[in-house]
Amino acid sequence: MSSTHSLAVSSTDYKKAMRHLAGTPCIITASHQGQRSGLTASSVTSVAIDPAELLVCIKQTASAWPLIEQSGYFGVSILNYSQRHVAERFAGVGGLRAEQRYDGSEWIEHNGVWLLAQAPAALVCKVSEIIVRHSHAMVLGAVEYVHLTDSTDPALLYWQGQFVSLP
């Protein structure tokens, strides 16, 4: 029996394969003792409705990671297409880091967690469990607060290494 796949998968091939998954970019924010940071993540998913819980995967070298670990909280701002510049900033485009990523957008604070004010939806989550796998941590968060706006802009997606919208 012959096989066309290898047991040892290259990281390059794996990245190419995963680019075929369209994801919704979200801004993950974290703060602790006056420090703020954040990142753009497309690996965010709902785990349960009752009680409300979600999962986000975060690279352990991200500047926001220690702030999430120390504070036990994080924010998730779901973006629309008109907010792709925010996704780019929090992805590190232009070399912006930590607090600099917050510049140029309006933010609201809820119990020490920062949310993008005009995001279609934003959530405050309390860390309920952390599962470390290789370079990333899977963080389960109990949703403690939901901020909604009346945005009707098309959804922002991340596909094939680019920010795109639904047609």
N, C-alpha and C. Protein backbone atom coordinates (compact mmCIF):
# COMPACT_ATOMS: atom_id res chain seq x y z
N MET A 1 0.84 -1.16 0.00
CA MET A 1 0.00 0.00 0.00
C MET A 1 0.90 1.24 0.00
N SER A 2 0.69 2.12 -0.95
CA SER A 2 1.50 3.33 -1.02
C SER A 2 0.71 4.51 -0.47
N SER A 3 1.45 5.48 -0.02
CA SER A 3 0.84 6.67 0.55
C SER A 3 1.48 7.91 -0.04
N THR A 4 0.70 8.95 -0.22
CA THR A 4 1.25 10.18 -0.79
C THR A 4 1.61 11.19 0.28
N HIS A 5 1.46 10.83 1.55
CA HIS A 5 1.83 11.78 2.60
C HIS A 5 2.92 11.19 3.48
N SER A 6 3.62 12.08 4.12
CA SER A 6 4.73 11.70 4.97
C SER A 6 4.31 11.79 6.43
N LEU A 7 4.92 10.99 7.26
CA LEU A 7 4.65 11.08 8.69
C LEU A 7 5.26 12.33 9.30
N ALA A 8 6.39 12.77 8.75
CA ALA A 8 7.03 13.99 9.23
C ALA A 8 6.58 15.14 8.32
N VAL A 9 5.79 16.04 8.87
CA VAL A 9 5.23 17.15 8.10
C VAL A 9 6.10 18.37 8.31
N SER A 10 6.45 19.03 7.20
CA SER A 10 7.26 20.25 7.34
C SER A 10 6.37 21.39 7.81
N SER A 11 6.95 22.30 8.57
CA SER A 11 6.18 23.45 9.05
C SER A 11 5.73 24.33 7.89
N THR A 12 6.53 24.38 6.82
CA THR A 12 6.15 25.17 5.64
C THR A 12 4.90 24.60 4.99
N ASP A 13 4.88 23.28 4.79
CA ASP A 13 3.70 22.64 4.19
C ASP A 13 2.48 22.79 5.08
N TYR A 14 2.67 22.65 6.38
CA TYR A 14 1.55 22.79 7.31
C TYR A 14 0.97 24.21 7.25
N LYS A 15 1.83 25.23 7.24
CA LYS A 15 1.36 26.61 7.12
C LYS A 15 0.59 26.82 5.83
N LYS A 16 1.11 26.27 4.73
CA LYS A 16 0.42 26.40 3.44
C LYS A 16 -0.96 25.75 3.49
N ALA A 17 -1.05 24.60 4.11
CA ALA A 17 -2.34 23.91 4.23
C ALA A 17 -3.31 24.72 5.09
N MET A 18 -2.84 25.26 6.20
CA MET A 18 -3.72 26.01 7.11
C MET A 18 -4.20 27.33 6.53
N ARG A 19 -3.47 27.85 5.53
CA ARG A 19 -3.91 29.10 4.89
C ARG A 19 -5.19 28.90 4.09
N HIS A 20 -5.58 27.65 3.86
CA HIS A 20 -6.84 27.38 3.18
C HIS A 20 -8.03 27.48 4.13
N LEU A 21 -7.77 27.55 5.42
CA LEU A 21 -8.84 27.77 6.39
C LEU A 21 -9.07 29.28 6.51
N ALA A 22 -10.27 29.73 6.26
CA ALA A 22 -10.59 31.14 6.48
C ALA A 22 -10.92 31.32 7.95
N GLY A 23 -10.31 32.30 8.58
CA GLY A 23 -10.54 32.56 9.99
C GLY A 23 -10.97 33.99 10.22
N THR A 24 -11.61 34.23 11.33
CA THR A 24 -12.02 35.58 11.70
C THR A 24 -10.95 36.17 12.60
N PRO A 25 -10.24 37.19 12.14
CA PRO A 25 -9.22 37.80 12.99
C PRO A 25 -9.87 38.54 14.16
N CYS A 26 -9.31 38.34 15.31
CA CYS A 26 -9.77 39.01 16.53
C CYS A 26 -8.56 39.66 17.20
N ILE A 27 -8.81 40.75 17.89
CA ILE A 27 -7.76 41.37 18.68
C ILE A 27 -7.86 40.81 20.09
N ILE A 28 -6.78 40.22 20.55
CA ILE A 28 -6.71 39.71 21.91
C ILE A 28 -5.91 40.73 22.71
N THR A 29 -6.53 41.28 23.74
CA THR A 29 -5.87 42.30 24.56
C THR A 29 -5.59 41.76 25.94
N ALA A 30 -4.55 42.31 26.54
CA ALA A 30 -4.17 41.92 27.89
C ALA A 30 -3.54 43.11 28.59
N SER A 31 -3.77 43.19 29.89
CA SER A 31 -3.13 44.25 30.68
C SER A 31 -2.88 43.73 32.08
N HIS A 32 -1.83 44.26 32.68
CA HIS A 32 -1.48 43.89 34.05
C HIS A 32 -0.56 44.96 34.62
N GLN A 33 -0.93 45.47 35.77
CA GLN A 33 -0.15 46.47 36.49
C GLN A 33 0.31 47.63 35.58
N GLY A 34 -0.64 48.17 34.81
CA GLY A 34 -0.36 49.34 33.99
C GLY A 34 0.24 49.06 32.63
N GLN A 35 0.58 47.82 32.35
CA GLN A 35 1.12 47.45 31.04
C GLN A 35 0.01 46.90 30.17
N ARG A 36 0.00 47.30 28.89
CA ARG A 36 -0.97 46.75 27.94
C ARG A 36 -0.23 46.19 26.73
N SER A 37 -0.79 45.13 26.19
CA SER A 37 -0.28 44.58 24.95
C SER A 37 -1.44 43.86 24.27
N GLY A 38 -1.17 43.30 23.13
CA GLY A 38 -2.21 42.59 22.42
C GLY A 38 -1.66 41.97 21.14
N LEU A 39 -2.50 41.19 20.50
CA LEU A 39 -2.11 40.50 19.29
C LEU A 39 -3.34 40.23 18.43
N THR A 40 -3.10 39.92 17.18
CA THR A 40 -4.16 39.49 16.28
C THR A 40 -4.14 37.97 16.25
N ALA A 41 -5.30 37.37 16.45
CA ALA A 41 -5.41 35.91 16.44
C ALA A 41 -6.59 35.50 15.57
N SER A 42 -6.40 34.46 14.79
CA SER A 42 -7.52 33.91 14.03
C SER A 42 -7.97 32.57 14.60
N SER A 43 -7.29 32.11 15.63
CA SER A 43 -7.66 30.85 16.27
C SER A 43 -8.46 31.14 17.53
N VAL A 44 -9.69 31.60 17.31
CA VAL A 44 -10.63 31.89 18.39
C VAL A 44 -11.92 31.16 18.05
N THR A 45 -12.47 30.45 19.02
CA THR A 45 -13.70 29.71 18.74
C THR A 45 -14.57 29.61 19.99
N SER A 46 -15.86 29.52 19.76
CA SER A 46 -16.81 29.32 20.84
C SER A 46 -16.71 27.87 21.31
N VAL A 47 -16.69 27.68 22.62
CA VAL A 47 -16.63 26.34 23.19
C VAL A 47 -18.01 25.93 23.70
N ALA A 48 -18.69 26.85 24.39
CA ALA A 48 -20.00 26.55 24.98
C ALA A 48 -20.82 27.83 25.06
N ILE A 49 -22.13 27.67 25.06
CA ILE A 49 -23.04 28.80 25.17
C ILE A 49 -23.47 29.02 26.61
N ASP A 50 -23.72 27.93 27.35
CA ASP A 50 -24.23 28.05 28.72
C ASP A 50 -23.49 27.09 29.62
N PRO A 51 -22.48 27.51 30.33
CA PRO A 51 -22.03 28.90 30.44
C PRO A 51 -21.19 29.31 29.23
N ALA A 52 -21.20 30.61 28.94
CA ALA A 52 -20.46 31.14 27.79
C ALA A 52 -18.96 30.97 28.00
N GLU A 53 -18.31 30.30 27.05
CA GLU A 53 -16.87 30.05 27.15
C GLU A 53 -16.29 30.01 25.74
N LEU A 54 -15.08 30.53 25.60
CA LEU A 54 -14.40 30.47 24.31
C LEU A 54 -12.97 30.00 24.49
N LEU A 55 -12.35 29.69 23.35
CA LEU A 55 -10.98 29.20 23.32
C LEU A 55 -10.18 30.08 22.38
N VAL A 56 -8.99 30.46 22.81
CA VAL A 56 -8.07 31.20 21.95
C VAL A 56 -6.70 30.56 22.08
N CYS A 57 -5.99 30.49 20.96
CA CYS A 57 -4.63 29.93 20.95
C CYS A 57 -3.64 31.08 20.81
N ILE A 58 -2.68 31.13 21.73
CA ILE A 58 -1.74 32.24 21.79
C ILE A 58 -0.31 31.71 21.82
N LYS A 59 0.52 32.26 20.96
CA LYS A 59 1.94 31.89 20.96
C LYS A 59 2.57 32.38 22.26
N GLN A 60 3.33 31.53 22.90
CA GLN A 60 3.89 31.86 24.21
C GLN A 60 4.97 32.93 24.16
N THR A 61 5.48 33.26 22.98
CA THR A 61 6.46 34.34 22.86
C THR A 61 5.79 35.69 22.63
N ALA A 62 4.47 35.72 22.49
CA ALA A 62 3.75 36.98 22.28
C ALA A 62 3.87 37.85 23.54
N SER A 63 4.01 39.15 23.34
CA SER A 63 4.16 40.06 24.48
C SER A 63 2.93 40.08 25.38
N ALA A 64 1.79 39.72 24.85
CA ALA A 64 0.55 39.70 25.66
C ALA A 64 0.47 38.46 26.55
N TRP A 65 1.19 37.42 26.20
CA TRP A 65 1.06 36.16 26.92
C TRP A 65 1.34 36.28 28.43
N PRO A 66 2.46 36.86 28.86
CA PRO A 66 2.67 36.94 30.31
C PRO A 66 1.62 37.81 31.02
N LEU A 67 1.08 38.80 30.32
CA LEU A 67 0.05 39.65 30.92
C LEU A 67 -1.24 38.86 31.15
N ILE A 68 -1.56 37.97 30.22
CA ILE A 68 -2.74 37.11 30.40
C ILE A 68 -2.51 36.16 31.55
N GLU A 69 -1.34 35.55 31.59
CA GLU A 69 -1.02 34.62 32.69
C GLU A 69 -1.09 35.31 34.05
N GLN A 70 -0.53 36.52 34.13
CA GLN A 70 -0.46 37.23 35.41
C GLN A 70 -1.80 37.79 35.85
N SER A 71 -2.58 38.34 34.91
CA SER A 71 -3.86 38.97 35.28
C SER A 71 -5.00 37.97 35.37
N GLY A 72 -4.93 36.90 34.57
CA GLY A 72 -6.01 35.93 34.54
C GLY A 72 -7.20 36.39 33.70
N TYR A 73 -7.02 37.45 32.92
CA TYR A 73 -8.09 37.99 32.08
C TYR A 73 -7.56 38.34 30.70
N PHE A 74 -8.46 38.39 29.72
CA PHE A 74 -8.12 38.88 28.39
C PHE A 74 -9.37 39.37 27.70
N GLY A 75 -9.17 40.21 26.69
CA GLY A 75 -10.27 40.72 25.88
C GLY A 75 -10.21 40.14 24.49
N VAL A 76 -11.37 40.00 23.87
CA VAL A 76 -11.48 39.54 22.50
C VAL A 76 -12.36 40.53 21.75
N SER A 77 -11.80 41.22 20.77
CA SER A 77 -12.57 42.13 19.92
C SER A 77 -12.66 41.53 18.53
N ILE A 78 -13.87 41.22 18.09
CA ILE A 78 -14.13 40.66 16.77
C ILE A 78 -14.22 41.81 15.78
N LEU A 79 -13.52 41.72 14.67
CA LEU A 79 -13.38 42.84 13.75
C LEU A 79 -14.26 42.74 12.52
N ASN A 80 -14.55 43.90 11.92
CA ASN A 80 -15.19 43.93 10.61
C ASN A 80 -14.14 44.40 9.59
N TYR A 81 -14.52 44.37 8.32
CA TYR A 81 -13.54 44.66 7.26
C TYR A 81 -12.95 46.06 7.36
N SER A 82 -13.74 47.04 7.79
CA SER A 82 -13.23 48.41 7.90
C SER A 82 -12.18 48.55 9.01
N GLN A 83 -12.03 47.52 9.84
CA GLN A 83 -11.05 47.56 10.94
C GLN A 83 -9.81 46.72 10.65
N ARG A 84 -9.57 46.40 9.39
CA ARG A 84 -8.40 45.58 9.06
C ARG A 84 -7.09 46.26 9.45
N HIS A 85 -7.06 47.60 9.47
CA HIS A 85 -5.85 48.31 9.90
C HIS A 85 -5.52 48.00 11.36
N VAL A 86 -6.53 47.77 12.17
CA VAL A 86 -6.31 47.40 13.57
C VAL A 86 -5.70 45.99 13.62
N ALA A 87 -6.24 45.09 12.81
CA ALA A 87 -5.69 43.72 12.75
C ALA A 87 -4.23 43.75 12.33
N GLU A 88 -3.91 44.61 11.36
CA GLU A 88 -2.52 44.71 10.90
C GLU A 88 -1.62 45.26 12.00
N ARG A 89 -2.07 46.31 12.70
CA ARG A 89 -1.26 46.88 13.79
C ARG A 89 -0.98 45.86 14.86
N PHE A 90 -2.02 45.11 15.27
CA PHE A 90 -1.84 44.13 16.35
C PHE A 90 -1.11 42.88 15.87
N ALA A 91 -0.98 42.72 14.56
CA ALA A 91 -0.17 41.63 14.01
C ALA A 91 1.30 42.04 13.89
N GLY A 92 1.60 43.30 14.23
CA GLY A 92 2.98 43.76 14.22
C GLY A 92 3.42 44.43 12.93
N VAL A 93 2.48 44.64 11.99
CA VAL A 93 2.83 45.34 10.75
C VAL A 93 3.31 46.74 11.11
N GLY A 94 4.42 47.15 10.53
CA GLY A 94 4.99 48.46 10.83
C GLY A 94 5.87 48.47 12.07
N GLY A 95 6.07 47.30 12.67
CA GLY A 95 6.96 47.20 13.82
C GLY A 95 6.39 47.72 15.13
N LEU A 96 5.10 48.01 15.18
CA LEU A 96 4.51 48.50 16.43
C LEU A 96 4.46 47.38 17.46
N ARG A 97 4.72 47.76 18.71
CA ARG A 97 4.75 46.77 19.79
C ARG A 97 3.94 47.24 20.97
N ALA A 98 3.47 46.30 21.75
CA ALA A 98 2.81 46.52 23.04
C ALA A 98 1.82 47.69 23.00
N GLU A 99 2.05 48.70 23.82
CA GLU A 99 1.14 49.85 23.97
C GLU A 99 0.94 50.62 22.68
N GLN A 100 1.94 50.67 21.81
CA GLN A 100 1.83 51.40 20.54
C GLN A 100 0.70 50.88 19.67
N ARG A 101 0.36 49.62 19.80
CA ARG A 101 -0.67 49.02 18.97
C ARG A 101 -2.05 49.60 19.24
N TYR A 102 -2.24 50.19 20.41
CA TYR A 102 -3.53 50.77 20.78
C TYR A 102 -3.76 52.15 20.15
N ASP A 103 -2.69 52.79 19.69
CA ASP A 103 -2.80 54.14 19.12
C ASP A 103 -3.67 54.13 17.86
N GLY A 104 -4.44 55.19 17.69
CA GLY A 104 -5.23 55.36 16.47
C GLY A 104 -6.60 54.73 16.50
N SER A 105 -7.00 54.11 17.60
CA SER A 105 -8.33 53.51 17.72
C SER A 105 -8.92 53.89 19.08
N GLU A 106 -10.24 53.85 19.15
CA GLU A 106 -10.93 54.15 20.41
C GLU A 106 -11.15 52.85 21.18
N TRP A 107 -10.78 52.88 22.45
CA TRP A 107 -10.87 51.70 23.31
C TRP A 107 -11.75 52.00 24.51
N ILE A 108 -12.42 50.97 25.00
CA ILE A 108 -13.17 51.08 26.25
C ILE A 108 -12.56 50.07 27.22
N GLU A 109 -12.64 50.39 28.49
CA GLU A 109 -12.08 49.51 29.52
C GLU A 109 -13.22 48.97 30.37
N HIS A 110 -13.20 47.68 30.60
CA HIS A 110 -14.19 47.04 31.47
C HIS A 110 -13.45 46.13 32.44
N ASN A 111 -13.46 46.50 33.70
CA ASN A 111 -12.79 45.71 34.74
C ASN A 111 -11.33 45.39 34.41
N GLY A 112 -10.62 46.40 33.87
CA GLY A 112 -9.20 46.23 33.60
C GLY A 112 -8.88 45.61 32.25
N VAL A 113 -9.90 45.29 31.46
CA VAL A 113 -9.70 44.68 30.14
C VAL A 113 -10.10 45.69 29.08
N TRP A 114 -9.27 45.84 28.05
CA TRP A 114 -9.49 46.83 26.99
C TRP A 114 -10.14 46.17 25.78
N LEU A 115 -11.20 46.82 25.27
CA LEU A 115 -11.95 46.33 24.13
C LEU A 115 -12.03 47.42 23.07
N LEU A 116 -11.99 47.05 21.81
CA LEU A 116 -12.13 48.00 20.72
C LEU A 116 -13.56 48.53 20.72
N ALA A 117 -13.72 49.84 20.91
CA ALA A 117 -15.04 50.44 21.11
C ALA A 117 -16.00 50.17 19.96
N GLN A 118 -15.54 50.23 18.73
CA GLN A 118 -16.43 50.08 17.58
C GLN A 118 -16.43 48.66 16.97
N ALA A 119 -15.87 47.71 17.68
CA ALA A 119 -15.91 46.33 17.19
C ALA A 119 -17.36 45.86 17.15
N PRO A 120 -17.74 45.04 16.17
CA PRO A 120 -19.11 44.51 16.15
C PRO A 120 -19.46 43.78 17.45
N ALA A 121 -18.47 43.08 18.01
CA ALA A 121 -18.65 42.37 19.28
C ALA A 121 -17.30 42.31 19.98
N ALA A 122 -17.34 42.46 21.29
CA ALA A 122 -16.11 42.36 22.09
C ALA A 122 -16.48 41.71 23.42
N LEU A 123 -15.55 40.92 23.94
CA LEU A 123 -15.84 40.14 25.14
C LEU A 123 -14.70 40.24 26.15
N VAL A 124 -15.07 40.23 27.41
CA VAL A 124 -14.10 40.13 28.49
C VAL A 124 -14.16 38.70 29.00
N CYS A 125 -12.99 38.07 29.09
CA CYS A 125 -12.93 36.66 29.50
C CYS A 125 -12.01 36.48 30.70
N LYS A 126 -12.44 35.64 31.61
CA LYS A 126 -11.60 35.23 32.74
C LYS A 126 -11.01 33.86 32.38
N VAL A 127 -9.70 33.74 32.52
CA VAL A 127 -9.03 32.47 32.20
C VAL A 127 -9.59 31.37 33.11
N SER A 128 -10.08 30.29 32.48
CA SER A 128 -10.57 29.16 33.26
C SER A 128 -9.65 27.95 33.17
N GLU A 129 -8.88 27.88 32.09
CA GLU A 129 -7.92 26.78 31.94
C GLU A 129 -6.90 27.13 30.88
N ILE A 130 -5.67 26.67 31.07
CA ILE A 130 -4.60 26.85 30.10
C ILE A 130 -4.01 25.49 29.80
N ILE A 131 -3.92 25.17 28.51
CA ILE A 131 -3.33 23.92 28.06
C ILE A 131 -2.17 24.29 27.14
N VAL A 132 -0.96 23.94 27.52
CA VAL A 132 0.22 24.28 26.74
C VAL A 132 0.55 23.13 25.79
N ARG A 133 0.70 23.48 24.51
CA ARG A 133 1.12 22.52 23.48
C ARG A 133 2.17 23.18 22.62
N HIS A 134 3.38 22.69 22.73
CA HIS A 134 4.49 23.15 21.91
C HIS A 134 4.69 24.66 22.07
N SER A 135 4.57 25.42 20.98
CA SER A 135 4.83 26.86 21.03
C SER A 135 3.64 27.69 21.50
N HIS A 136 2.46 27.08 21.59
CA HIS A 136 1.25 27.83 21.88
C HIS A 136 0.57 27.37 23.17
N ALA A 137 -0.26 28.25 23.68
CA ALA A 137 -1.11 27.92 24.82
C ALA A 137 -2.56 28.03 24.36
N MET A 138 -3.34 27.02 24.65
CA MET A 138 -4.78 27.07 24.40
C MET A 138 -5.40 27.61 25.68
N VAL A 139 -6.05 28.74 25.56
CA VAL A 139 -6.60 29.41 26.74
C VAL A 139 -8.11 29.37 26.67
N LEU A 140 -8.72 28.71 27.64
CA LEU A 140 -10.17 28.71 27.77
C LEU A 140 -10.55 29.90 28.63
N GLY A 141 -11.55 30.65 28.17
CA GLY A 141 -11.97 31.83 28.90
C GLY A 141 -13.47 31.84 29.15
N ALA A 142 -13.84 32.04 30.41
CA ALA A 142 -15.25 32.20 30.77
C ALA A 142 -15.64 33.64 30.44
N VAL A 143 -16.65 33.82 29.60
CA VAL A 143 -17.07 35.15 29.16
C VAL A 143 -17.83 35.82 30.31
N GLU A 144 -17.32 36.98 30.73
CA GLU A 144 -17.92 37.71 31.84
C GLU A 144 -18.65 38.97 31.40
N TYR A 145 -18.38 39.44 30.17
CA TYR A 145 -19.01 40.67 29.69
C TYR A 145 -18.99 40.67 28.18
N VAL A 146 -20.09 41.15 27.57
CA VAL A 146 -20.19 41.26 26.12
C VAL A 146 -20.55 42.69 25.76
N HIS A 147 -19.79 43.27 24.83
CA HIS A 147 -20.05 44.62 24.30
C HIS A 147 -20.43 44.46 22.84
N LEU A 148 -21.61 44.97 22.45
CA LEU A 148 -22.09 44.86 21.08
C LEU A 148 -22.32 46.23 20.48
N THR A 149 -22.05 46.38 19.18
CA THR A 149 -22.39 47.60 18.46
C THR A 149 -23.35 47.21 17.34
N ASP A 150 -23.86 48.21 16.64
CA ASP A 150 -24.80 47.93 15.55
C ASP A 150 -24.10 47.93 14.19
N SER A 151 -22.87 47.50 14.15
CA SER A 151 -22.08 47.46 12.91
C SER A 151 -22.74 46.55 11.87
N THR A 152 -22.81 47.04 10.65
CA THR A 152 -23.32 46.23 9.54
C THR A 152 -22.25 46.06 8.46
N ASP A 153 -21.02 46.46 8.76
CA ASP A 153 -19.92 46.28 7.81
C ASP A 153 -19.66 44.79 7.60
N PRO A 154 -19.15 44.42 6.42
CA PRO A 154 -18.83 43.00 6.17
C PRO A 154 -17.78 42.48 7.16
N ALA A 155 -17.84 41.19 7.40
CA ALA A 155 -16.89 40.54 8.30
C ALA A 155 -15.47 40.59 7.72
N LEU A 156 -14.50 40.67 8.60
CA LEU A 156 -13.10 40.56 8.22
C LEU A 156 -12.69 39.10 8.34
N LEU A 157 -12.02 38.60 7.30
CA LEU A 157 -11.52 37.23 7.31
C LEU A 157 -10.02 37.25 7.05
N TYR A 158 -9.34 36.20 7.50
CA TYR A 158 -7.93 36.01 7.20
C TYR A 158 -7.84 34.73 6.39
N TRP A 159 -7.39 34.86 5.13
CA TRP A 159 -7.34 33.72 4.22
C TRP A 159 -6.16 33.89 3.28
N GLN A 160 -5.41 32.83 3.09
CA GLN A 160 -4.25 32.83 2.20
C GLN A 160 -3.24 33.93 2.56
N GLY A 161 -3.11 34.20 3.88
CA GLY A 161 -2.12 35.17 4.33
C GLY A 161 -2.55 36.61 4.13
N GLN A 162 -3.84 36.85 3.87
CA GLN A 162 -4.31 38.21 3.63
C GLN A 162 -5.62 38.47 4.40
N PHE A 163 -5.85 39.74 4.70
CA PHE A 163 -7.13 40.15 5.28
C PHE A 163 -8.08 40.42 4.12
N VAL A 164 -9.21 39.74 4.12
CA VAL A 164 -10.20 39.87 3.05
C VAL A 164 -11.59 40.00 3.67
N SER A 165 -12.58 40.30 2.83
CA SER A 165 -13.96 40.34 3.32
C SER A 165 -14.81 39.38 2.51
N LEU A 166 -15.99 39.11 3.02
CA LEU A 166 -16.95 38.32 2.27
C LEU A 166 -17.42 39.16 1.08
N PRO A 167 -17.70 38.54 -0.06
CA PRO A 167 -18.17 39.32 -1.22
C PRO A 167 -19.54 39.95 -0.94
